[in-house]
Amino acid sequence: MTEAVTRSPAETEAFAEEMAKRLSGGEIIAFRGPMGMGKTCFTRGLARGLGFTGQVTSPTFALVNEYVGGRLPLYHFDMFRIESWEDLYSCGFFDYMEMGGVIAAEWSENIEGALSGDVIFVTIEKTDENSRKITVEGGGF
């Protein structure tokens, strides 16, 4: 388990960027934490650490955003509206699991029964307006 406190979005991104350097493909980054904690900010750092240079945005309406062109592809899911196995199949989640990239899943609490393989749980908690406590469990972290 790894814990860190970040004091700005830039520090959160930098923490995630360093974490991304240790990823080799096939990992699922399963985020835990309420809205507004910095999950998309963390994903922005992951993407940068994997070599993606484009814009990273929340997949709220698309369900999944693909960030390719870096060392590994990153598939960014929003599982907030996922309620069933059928929903998971419909959004292609299981297909993405087999593509060898890294999956970053916001609202992973909604899909815990479907998580398998190399799952890394990232819990983000607000400690004050700008600070976050980040706990990383699994995957050798």
N, C-alpha and C. Protein backbone atom coordinates (compact mmCIF):
# COMPACT_ATOMS: atom_id res chain seq x y z
N MET A 1 0.85 -1.18 0.00
CA MET A 1 0.00 0.00 0.00
C MET A 1 0.89 1.24 0.00
N THR A 2 0.47 2.23 -0.79
CA THR A 2 1.16 3.51 -0.86
C THR A 2 0.17 4.60 -0.52
N GLU A 3 0.59 5.55 0.30
CA GLU A 3 -0.26 6.69 0.64
C GLU A 3 0.51 7.97 0.34
N ALA A 4 -0.24 8.99 -0.08
CA ALA A 4 0.35 10.30 -0.34
C ALA A 4 -0.71 11.36 -0.08
N VAL A 5 -0.25 12.54 0.26
CA VAL A 5 -1.13 13.70 0.36
C VAL A 5 -0.66 14.68 -0.70
N THR A 6 -1.58 15.09 -1.57
CA THR A 6 -1.27 16.09 -2.58
C THR A 6 -2.00 17.37 -2.21
N ARG A 7 -1.40 18.50 -2.55
CA ARG A 7 -1.96 19.78 -2.12
C ARG A 7 -2.46 20.65 -3.27
N SER A 8 -2.53 20.05 -4.46
CA SER A 8 -3.03 20.78 -5.63
C SER A 8 -3.32 19.77 -6.73
N PRO A 9 -4.13 20.18 -7.71
CA PRO A 9 -4.34 19.28 -8.86
C PRO A 9 -3.03 18.92 -9.57
N ALA A 10 -2.10 19.87 -9.64
CA ALA A 10 -0.82 19.59 -10.29
C ALA A 10 -0.04 18.51 -9.54
N GLU A 11 -0.09 18.53 -8.21
CA GLU A 11 0.59 17.49 -7.43
C GLU A 11 -0.09 16.14 -7.61
N THR A 12 -1.43 16.13 -7.70
CA THR A 12 -2.16 14.88 -7.94
C THR A 12 -1.76 14.30 -9.28
N GLU A 13 -1.71 15.14 -10.30
CA GLU A 13 -1.30 14.68 -11.63
C GLU A 13 0.14 14.15 -11.61
N ALA A 14 1.03 14.84 -10.92
CA ALA A 14 2.43 14.40 -10.85
C ALA A 14 2.55 13.05 -10.15
N PHE A 15 1.79 12.84 -9.08
CA PHE A 15 1.79 11.55 -8.39
C PHE A 15 1.36 10.44 -9.34
N ALA A 16 0.27 10.68 -10.07
CA ALA A 16 -0.25 9.67 -11.01
C ALA A 16 0.72 9.44 -12.17
N GLU A 17 1.38 10.51 -12.61
CA GLU A 17 2.35 10.37 -13.70
C GLU A 17 3.49 9.44 -13.30
N GLU A 18 3.98 9.58 -12.07
CA GLU A 18 5.03 8.69 -11.58
C GLU A 18 4.52 7.26 -11.46
N MET A 19 3.30 7.09 -10.99
CA MET A 19 2.70 5.77 -10.87
C MET A 19 2.62 5.09 -12.24
N ALA A 20 2.25 5.85 -13.26
CA ALA A 20 2.07 5.30 -14.60
C ALA A 20 3.35 4.69 -15.15
N LYS A 21 4.48 5.20 -14.73
CA LYS A 21 5.77 4.69 -15.22
C LYS A 21 6.00 3.24 -14.80
N ARG A 22 5.27 2.79 -13.77
CA ARG A 22 5.43 1.41 -13.28
C ARG A 22 4.40 0.45 -13.89
N LEU A 23 3.52 0.95 -14.72
CA LEU A 23 2.48 0.10 -15.32
C LEU A 23 3.01 -0.57 -16.57
N SER A 24 2.57 -1.81 -16.79
CA SER A 24 3.06 -2.57 -17.94
C SER A 24 1.97 -3.01 -18.89
N GLY A 25 0.72 -2.71 -18.58
CA GLY A 25 -0.40 -3.10 -19.43
C GLY A 25 -1.20 -4.22 -18.79
N GLY A 26 -2.49 -4.17 -18.93
CA GLY A 26 -3.37 -5.16 -18.35
C GLY A 26 -3.91 -4.77 -16.98
N GLU A 27 -3.43 -3.66 -16.41
CA GLU A 27 -3.90 -3.24 -15.09
C GLU A 27 -5.25 -2.52 -15.19
N ILE A 28 -6.01 -2.67 -14.11
CA ILE A 28 -7.23 -1.90 -13.95
C ILE A 28 -7.02 -0.98 -12.75
N ILE A 29 -7.12 0.32 -12.99
CA ILE A 29 -7.04 1.30 -11.92
C ILE A 29 -8.49 1.55 -11.51
N ALA A 30 -8.87 1.08 -10.34
CA ALA A 30 -10.25 1.17 -9.85
C ALA A 30 -10.34 2.30 -8.83
N PHE A 31 -10.93 3.42 -9.25
CA PHE A 31 -11.04 4.58 -8.39
C PHE A 31 -12.18 4.42 -7.39
N ARG A 32 -11.93 4.90 -6.18
CA ARG A 32 -12.96 4.99 -5.14
C ARG A 32 -12.94 6.42 -4.62
N GLY A 33 -14.10 6.96 -4.39
CA GLY A 33 -14.19 8.31 -3.85
C GLY A 33 -15.35 9.06 -4.48
N PRO A 34 -15.94 9.98 -3.74
CA PRO A 34 -17.10 10.70 -4.24
C PRO A 34 -16.75 11.69 -5.36
N MET A 35 -17.76 12.29 -5.93
CA MET A 35 -17.61 13.26 -6.99
C MET A 35 -16.75 14.43 -6.51
N GLY A 36 -15.92 14.92 -7.40
CA GLY A 36 -15.11 16.09 -7.09
C GLY A 36 -13.81 15.82 -6.35
N MET A 37 -13.40 14.56 -6.25
CA MET A 37 -12.19 14.23 -5.50
C MET A 37 -10.93 14.35 -6.35
N GLY A 38 -11.05 14.31 -7.66
CA GLY A 38 -9.87 14.41 -8.52
C GLY A 38 -9.57 13.17 -9.32
N LYS A 39 -10.58 12.34 -9.57
CA LYS A 39 -10.35 11.09 -10.32
C LYS A 39 -9.92 11.38 -11.76
N THR A 40 -10.58 12.35 -12.40
CA THR A 40 -10.19 12.69 -13.76
C THR A 40 -8.83 13.37 -13.77
N CYS A 41 -8.54 14.18 -12.78
CA CYS A 41 -7.23 14.81 -12.63
C CYS A 41 -6.15 13.72 -12.51
N PHE A 42 -6.41 12.72 -11.69
CA PHE A 42 -5.48 11.60 -11.52
C PHE A 42 -5.28 10.90 -12.87
N THR A 43 -6.37 10.68 -13.60
CA THR A 43 -6.29 10.01 -14.90
C THR A 43 -5.47 10.84 -15.88
N ARG A 44 -5.59 12.16 -15.81
CA ARG A 44 -4.79 13.04 -16.67
C ARG A 44 -3.30 12.78 -16.42
N GLY A 45 -2.90 12.62 -15.16
CA GLY A 45 -1.52 12.31 -14.84
C GLY A 45 -1.10 10.94 -15.34
N LEU A 46 -2.01 9.95 -15.19
CA LEU A 46 -1.72 8.60 -15.73
C LEU A 46 -1.45 8.67 -17.22
N ALA A 47 -2.32 9.37 -17.94
CA ALA A 47 -2.18 9.47 -19.39
C ALA A 47 -0.84 10.11 -19.76
N ARG A 48 -0.50 11.18 -19.08
CA ARG A 48 0.78 11.85 -19.35
C ARG A 48 1.95 10.92 -19.05
N GLY A 49 1.85 10.17 -17.95
CA GLY A 49 2.91 9.23 -17.60
C GLY A 49 3.06 8.08 -18.59
N LEU A 50 1.98 7.79 -19.31
CA LEU A 50 2.03 6.74 -20.33
C LEU A 50 2.42 7.30 -21.69
N GLY A 51 2.62 8.63 -21.76
CA GLY A 51 3.10 9.24 -23.00
C GLY A 51 2.02 9.86 -23.87
N PHE A 52 0.79 9.95 -23.37
CA PHE A 52 -0.29 10.57 -24.15
C PHE A 52 -0.17 12.08 -24.00
N THR A 53 -0.26 12.81 -25.11
CA THR A 53 -0.06 14.25 -25.08
C THR A 53 -1.33 15.05 -25.36
N GLY A 54 -2.45 14.39 -25.61
CA GLY A 54 -3.68 15.11 -25.92
C GLY A 54 -4.46 15.49 -24.68
N GLN A 55 -5.68 15.93 -24.90
CA GLN A 55 -6.56 16.36 -23.82
C GLN A 55 -7.23 15.16 -23.15
N VAL A 56 -7.33 15.19 -21.83
CA VAL A 56 -7.99 14.16 -21.04
C VAL A 56 -9.20 14.78 -20.36
N THR A 57 -10.37 14.21 -20.63
CA THR A 57 -11.62 14.74 -20.06
C THR A 57 -12.42 13.61 -19.42
N SER A 58 -13.38 13.99 -18.62
CA SER A 58 -14.25 13.00 -17.98
C SER A 58 -15.10 12.28 -19.02
N PRO A 59 -15.22 10.97 -18.91
CA PRO A 59 -16.04 10.21 -19.86
C PRO A 59 -17.51 10.11 -19.44
N THR A 60 -18.00 11.06 -18.69
CA THR A 60 -19.34 10.99 -18.12
C THR A 60 -20.41 10.64 -19.15
N PHE A 61 -20.40 11.29 -20.29
CA PHE A 61 -21.46 11.05 -21.27
C PHE A 61 -21.08 10.02 -22.31
N ALA A 62 -19.79 9.83 -22.55
CA ALA A 62 -19.33 8.85 -23.53
C ALA A 62 -19.18 7.46 -22.92
N LEU A 63 -19.11 7.35 -21.62
CA LEU A 63 -18.83 6.13 -20.84
C LEU A 63 -17.38 5.70 -20.91
N VAL A 64 -16.72 5.87 -22.07
CA VAL A 64 -15.30 5.51 -22.17
C VAL A 64 -14.60 6.48 -23.12
N ASN A 65 -13.44 6.95 -22.72
CA ASN A 65 -12.55 7.73 -23.57
C ASN A 65 -11.28 6.92 -23.77
N GLU A 66 -10.78 6.93 -24.99
CA GLU A 66 -9.55 6.21 -25.32
C GLU A 66 -8.43 7.21 -25.50
N TYR A 67 -7.30 6.96 -24.82
CA TYR A 67 -6.12 7.79 -24.96
C TYR A 67 -5.01 6.91 -25.50
N VAL A 68 -4.73 7.04 -26.78
CA VAL A 68 -3.74 6.18 -27.45
C VAL A 68 -2.62 7.04 -28.01
N GLY A 69 -1.54 6.41 -28.36
CA GLY A 69 -0.40 7.10 -28.94
C GLY A 69 0.79 7.17 -28.00
N GLY A 70 0.60 6.72 -26.76
CA GLY A 70 1.70 6.69 -25.80
C GLY A 70 2.30 5.30 -25.71
N ARG A 71 3.04 5.06 -24.67
CA ARG A 71 3.68 3.76 -24.43
C ARG A 71 2.66 2.65 -24.32
N LEU A 72 1.52 2.93 -23.66
CA LEU A 72 0.40 2.00 -23.54
C LEU A 72 -0.89 2.78 -23.74
N PRO A 73 -1.91 2.15 -24.32
CA PRO A 73 -3.20 2.84 -24.40
C PRO A 73 -3.85 2.89 -23.02
N LEU A 74 -4.62 3.95 -22.78
CA LEU A 74 -5.36 4.13 -21.54
C LEU A 74 -6.83 4.25 -21.89
N TYR A 75 -7.65 3.42 -21.25
CA TYR A 75 -9.10 3.43 -21.47
C TYR A 75 -9.76 3.93 -20.20
N HIS A 76 -10.39 5.08 -20.30
CA HIS A 76 -10.93 5.80 -19.14
C HIS A 76 -12.45 5.64 -19.11
N PHE A 77 -12.94 4.88 -18.14
CA PHE A 77 -14.37 4.58 -18.01
C PHE A 77 -15.02 5.38 -16.89
N ASP A 78 -16.28 5.73 -17.11
CA ASP A 78 -17.13 6.29 -16.05
C ASP A 78 -18.23 5.26 -15.80
N MET A 79 -18.19 4.61 -14.65
CA MET A 79 -19.13 3.54 -14.33
C MET A 79 -20.31 4.01 -13.47
N PHE A 80 -20.50 5.33 -13.39
CA PHE A 80 -21.54 5.88 -12.53
C PHE A 80 -22.93 5.34 -12.89
N ARG A 81 -23.22 5.22 -14.18
CA ARG A 81 -24.56 4.78 -14.61
C ARG A 81 -24.63 3.29 -14.93
N ILE A 82 -23.57 2.54 -14.66
CA ILE A 82 -23.56 1.10 -14.92
C ILE A 82 -24.29 0.40 -13.78
N GLU A 83 -25.30 -0.37 -14.14
CA GLU A 83 -26.12 -1.03 -13.12
C GLU A 83 -26.20 -2.53 -13.27
N SER A 84 -25.70 -3.08 -14.38
CA SER A 84 -25.85 -4.52 -14.60
C SER A 84 -24.70 -5.05 -15.45
N TRP A 85 -24.61 -6.37 -15.50
CA TRP A 85 -23.63 -7.02 -16.37
C TRP A 85 -23.91 -6.65 -17.82
N GLU A 86 -25.17 -6.54 -18.18
CA GLU A 86 -25.54 -6.18 -19.55
C GLU A 86 -24.97 -4.81 -19.90
N ASP A 87 -25.04 -3.87 -18.95
CA ASP A 87 -24.47 -2.54 -19.18
C ASP A 87 -22.97 -2.63 -19.43
N LEU A 88 -22.29 -3.49 -18.66
CA LEU A 88 -20.84 -3.65 -18.84
C LEU A 88 -20.50 -4.23 -20.21
N TYR A 89 -21.26 -5.21 -20.63
CA TYR A 89 -21.05 -5.78 -21.97
C TYR A 89 -21.34 -4.74 -23.04
N SER A 90 -22.39 -3.96 -22.85
CA SER A 90 -22.79 -2.97 -23.85
C SER A 90 -21.74 -1.89 -24.06
N CYS A 91 -21.05 -1.51 -23.01
CA CYS A 91 -20.03 -0.45 -23.15
C CYS A 91 -18.67 -1.01 -23.57
N GLY A 92 -18.58 -2.32 -23.73
CA GLY A 92 -17.34 -2.94 -24.21
C GLY A 92 -16.29 -3.16 -23.15
N PHE A 93 -16.65 -3.06 -21.88
CA PHE A 93 -15.67 -3.16 -20.80
C PHE A 93 -14.84 -4.44 -20.89
N PHE A 94 -15.48 -5.58 -21.10
CA PHE A 94 -14.75 -6.85 -21.13
C PHE A 94 -13.84 -6.94 -22.35
N ASP A 95 -14.24 -6.33 -23.46
CA ASP A 95 -13.36 -6.29 -24.64
C ASP A 95 -12.11 -5.47 -24.34
N TYR A 96 -12.29 -4.33 -23.67
CA TYR A 96 -11.14 -3.50 -23.31
C TYR A 96 -10.20 -4.21 -22.36
N MET A 97 -10.75 -5.05 -21.48
CA MET A 97 -9.90 -5.79 -20.54
C MET A 97 -8.91 -6.70 -21.27
N GLU A 98 -9.24 -7.12 -22.47
CA GLU A 98 -8.41 -8.04 -23.22
C GLU A 98 -7.46 -7.34 -24.19
N MET A 99 -7.48 -6.01 -24.22
CA MET A 99 -6.70 -5.27 -25.22
C MET A 99 -5.28 -4.93 -24.77
N GLY A 100 -4.91 -5.26 -23.53
CA GLY A 100 -3.53 -5.08 -23.09
C GLY A 100 -3.16 -3.68 -22.66
N GLY A 101 -4.11 -2.77 -22.64
CA GLY A 101 -3.82 -1.42 -22.17
C GLY A 101 -4.08 -1.31 -20.68
N VAL A 102 -4.22 -0.09 -20.23
CA VAL A 102 -4.54 0.19 -18.84
C VAL A 102 -5.97 0.75 -18.80
N ILE A 103 -6.77 0.24 -17.88
CA ILE A 103 -8.13 0.75 -17.69
C ILE A 103 -8.14 1.60 -16.42
N ALA A 104 -8.71 2.79 -16.55
CA ALA A 104 -8.95 3.65 -15.39
C ALA A 104 -10.46 3.74 -15.24
N ALA A 105 -11.01 3.21 -14.16
CA ALA A 105 -12.46 3.12 -13.98
C ALA A 105 -12.92 4.00 -12.82
N GLU A 106 -13.58 5.11 -13.16
CA GLU A 106 -14.21 5.94 -12.14
C GLU A 106 -15.49 5.24 -11.68
N TRP A 107 -15.86 5.42 -10.42
CA TRP A 107 -17.04 4.79 -9.82
C TRP A 107 -16.93 3.27 -9.89
N SER A 108 -15.75 2.76 -9.59
CA SER A 108 -15.52 1.31 -9.64
C SER A 108 -16.37 0.55 -8.63
N GLU A 109 -16.90 1.24 -7.63
CA GLU A 109 -17.78 0.59 -6.66
C GLU A 109 -18.96 -0.10 -7.36
N ASN A 110 -19.36 0.45 -8.51
CA ASN A 110 -20.50 -0.10 -9.24
C ASN A 110 -20.18 -1.37 -10.02
N ILE A 111 -18.90 -1.73 -10.13
CA ILE A 111 -18.53 -2.91 -10.93
C ILE A 111 -17.60 -3.85 -10.18
N GLU A 112 -17.53 -3.75 -8.87
CA GLU A 112 -16.56 -4.56 -8.12
C GLU A 112 -16.67 -6.05 -8.40
N GLY A 113 -17.88 -6.55 -8.65
CA GLY A 113 -18.05 -7.96 -8.95
C GLY A 113 -17.45 -8.38 -10.28
N ALA A 114 -17.15 -7.42 -11.14
CA ALA A 114 -16.60 -7.73 -12.46
C ALA A 114 -15.09 -7.53 -12.52
N LEU A 115 -14.51 -7.00 -11.47
CA LEU A 115 -13.08 -6.72 -11.49
C LEU A 115 -12.27 -8.00 -11.24
N SER A 116 -11.32 -8.23 -12.11
CA SER A 116 -10.44 -9.39 -11.96
C SER A 116 -9.09 -9.04 -12.55
N GLY A 117 -8.12 -9.89 -12.32
CA GLY A 117 -6.79 -9.64 -12.84
C GLY A 117 -6.02 -8.69 -11.95
N ASP A 118 -5.20 -7.87 -12.56
CA ASP A 118 -4.33 -6.96 -11.83
C ASP A 118 -5.08 -5.66 -11.52
N VAL A 119 -5.81 -5.65 -10.40
CA VAL A 119 -6.60 -4.48 -10.02
C VAL A 119 -5.82 -3.66 -9.00
N ILE A 120 -5.73 -2.38 -9.27
CA ILE A 120 -5.08 -1.43 -8.38
C ILE A 120 -6.16 -0.46 -7.91
N PHE A 121 -6.46 -0.49 -6.61
CA PHE A 121 -7.49 0.39 -6.06
C PHE A 121 -6.85 1.71 -5.66
N VAL A 122 -7.44 2.80 -6.14
CA VAL A 122 -6.98 4.15 -5.81
C VAL A 122 -8.14 4.86 -5.12
N THR A 123 -7.96 5.12 -3.82
CA THR A 123 -8.96 5.83 -3.04
C THR A 123 -8.50 7.26 -2.84
N ILE A 124 -9.38 8.20 -3.19
CA ILE A 124 -9.04 9.62 -3.06
C ILE A 124 -10.02 10.25 -2.08
N GLU A 125 -9.45 10.87 -1.04
CA GLU A 125 -10.26 11.52 -0.01
C GLU A 125 -9.85 12.98 0.11
N LYS A 126 -10.81 13.83 0.31
CA LYS A 126 -10.56 15.26 0.48
C LYS A 126 -10.14 15.52 1.92
N THR A 127 -8.99 16.18 2.10
CA THR A 127 -8.55 16.53 3.45
C THR A 127 -8.80 18.00 3.75
N ASP A 128 -8.81 18.84 2.71
CA ASP A 128 -9.29 20.22 2.80
C ASP A 128 -9.60 20.67 1.38
N GLU A 129 -9.87 21.92 1.17
CA GLU A 129 -10.34 22.39 -0.14
C GLU A 129 -9.44 21.96 -1.30
N ASN A 130 -8.13 22.02 -1.12
CA ASN A 130 -7.20 21.69 -2.20
C ASN A 130 -6.42 20.40 -2.00
N SER A 131 -6.41 19.85 -0.81
CA SER A 131 -5.58 18.68 -0.51
C SER A 131 -6.38 17.39 -0.62
N ARG A 132 -5.67 16.35 -1.06
CA ARG A 132 -6.26 15.03 -1.18
C ARG A 132 -5.33 13.99 -0.57
N LYS A 133 -5.93 13.02 0.12
CA LYS A 133 -5.18 11.85 0.57
C LYS A 133 -5.44 10.75 -0.44
N ILE A 134 -4.38 10.22 -1.01
CA ILE A 134 -4.48 9.19 -2.04
C ILE A 134 -3.90 7.90 -1.47
N THR A 135 -4.69 6.84 -1.51
CA THR A 135 -4.25 5.53 -1.06
C THR A 135 -4.29 4.58 -2.25
N VAL A 136 -3.17 3.94 -2.53
CA VAL A 136 -3.05 3.01 -3.66
C VAL A 136 -2.80 1.62 -3.09
N GLU A 137 -3.64 0.66 -3.46
CA GLU A 137 -3.52 -0.71 -2.97
C GLU A 137 -3.56 -1.69 -4.14
N GLY A 138 -2.63 -2.63 -4.13
CA GLY A 138 -2.58 -3.65 -5.17
C GLY A 138 -1.52 -3.33 -6.20
N GLY A 139 -1.23 -4.29 -7.03
CA GLY A 139 -0.29 -4.09 -8.12
C GLY A 139 1.13 -3.78 -7.69
N GLY A 140 1.48 -4.16 -6.47
CA GLY A 140 2.83 -3.89 -6.01
C GLY A 140 3.04 -2.49 -5.45
N PHE A 141 1.98 -1.74 -5.31
CA PHE A 141 2.10 -0.37 -4.78
C PHE A 141 1.89 -0.36 -3.28
